[in-house]
Amino acid sequence: MAGRQAIQFSFYFDLLVGVFQGRNS
């Protein structure tokens, strides 16, 4: 379960960073 949560967090974090960078550029 912990591994699955880590994967979800990584996925959402990567998505958030992508959106943040997209707005920044």
N, C-alpha and C. Protein backbone atom coordinates (compact mmCIF):
# COMPACT_ATOMS: atom_id res chain seq x y z
N MET A 1 0.84 -1.21 0.00
CA MET A 1 0.00 0.00 0.00
C MET A 1 0.88 1.26 0.00
N ALA A 2 1.91 1.22 0.80
CA ALA A 2 2.79 2.40 0.88
C ALA A 2 3.43 2.68 -0.49
N GLY A 3 3.84 1.60 -1.16
CA GLY A 3 4.45 1.76 -2.48
C GLY A 3 3.47 2.38 -3.46
N ARG A 4 2.21 1.92 -3.36
CA ARG A 4 1.19 2.44 -4.28
C ARG A 4 0.96 3.92 -4.00
N GLN A 5 0.93 4.31 -2.75
CA GLN A 5 0.73 5.73 -2.40
C GLN A 5 1.90 6.56 -2.93
N ALA A 6 3.09 6.02 -2.83
CA ALA A 6 4.28 6.75 -3.30
C ALA A 6 4.17 6.98 -4.80
N ILE A 7 3.70 5.97 -5.53
CA ILE A 7 3.56 6.10 -6.99
C ILE A 7 2.53 7.17 -7.31
N GLN A 8 1.42 7.16 -6.58
CA GLN A 8 0.37 8.17 -6.83
C GLN A 8 0.91 9.56 -6.55
N PHE A 9 1.64 9.72 -5.45
CA PHE A 9 2.21 11.02 -5.09
C PHE A 9 3.17 11.49 -6.18
N SER A 10 4.01 10.56 -6.65
CA SER A 10 4.98 10.91 -7.69
C SER A 10 4.27 11.34 -8.96
N PHE A 11 3.17 10.64 -9.28
CA PHE A 11 2.43 10.96 -10.50
C PHE A 11 1.80 12.34 -10.39
N TYR A 12 1.15 12.61 -9.26
CA TYR A 12 0.51 13.92 -9.09
C TYR A 12 1.54 15.03 -9.01
N PHE A 13 2.66 14.75 -8.37
CA PHE A 13 3.71 15.76 -8.23
C PHE A 13 4.27 16.12 -9.61
N ASP A 14 4.52 15.08 -10.42
CA ASP A 14 5.06 15.30 -11.77
C ASP A 14 4.06 16.10 -12.60
N LEU A 15 2.78 15.77 -12.44
CA LEU A 15 1.74 16.46 -13.20
C LEU A 15 1.68 17.93 -12.76
N LEU A 16 1.78 18.16 -11.46
CA LEU A 16 1.71 19.52 -10.94
C LEU A 16 2.91 20.34 -11.44
N VAL A 17 4.08 19.74 -11.42
CA VAL A 17 5.28 20.43 -11.89
C VAL A 17 5.15 20.77 -13.37
N GLY A 18 4.57 19.84 -14.14
CA GLY A 18 4.39 20.07 -15.57
C GLY A 18 3.48 21.26 -15.82
N VAL A 19 2.39 21.33 -15.07
CA VAL A 19 1.44 22.43 -15.25
C VAL A 19 2.10 23.74 -14.81
N PHE A 20 2.86 23.68 -13.70
CA PHE A 20 3.52 24.88 -13.20
C PHE A 20 4.52 25.41 -14.21
N GLN A 21 5.32 24.49 -14.79
CA GLN A 21 6.31 24.91 -15.78
C GLN A 21 5.62 25.44 -17.04
N GLY A 22 4.52 24.81 -17.40
CA GLY A 22 3.79 25.24 -18.60
C GLY A 22 3.28 26.66 -18.44
N ARG A 23 2.80 26.99 -17.25
CA ARG A 23 2.28 28.35 -17.03
C ARG A 23 3.43 29.34 -16.94
N ASN A 24 4.57 28.88 -16.41
CA ASN A 24 5.72 29.76 -16.23
C ASN A 24 6.30 30.16 -17.58
N SER A 25 6.41 29.21 -18.48
CA SER A 25 7.03 29.49 -19.78
C SER A 25 6.16 30.46 -20.57
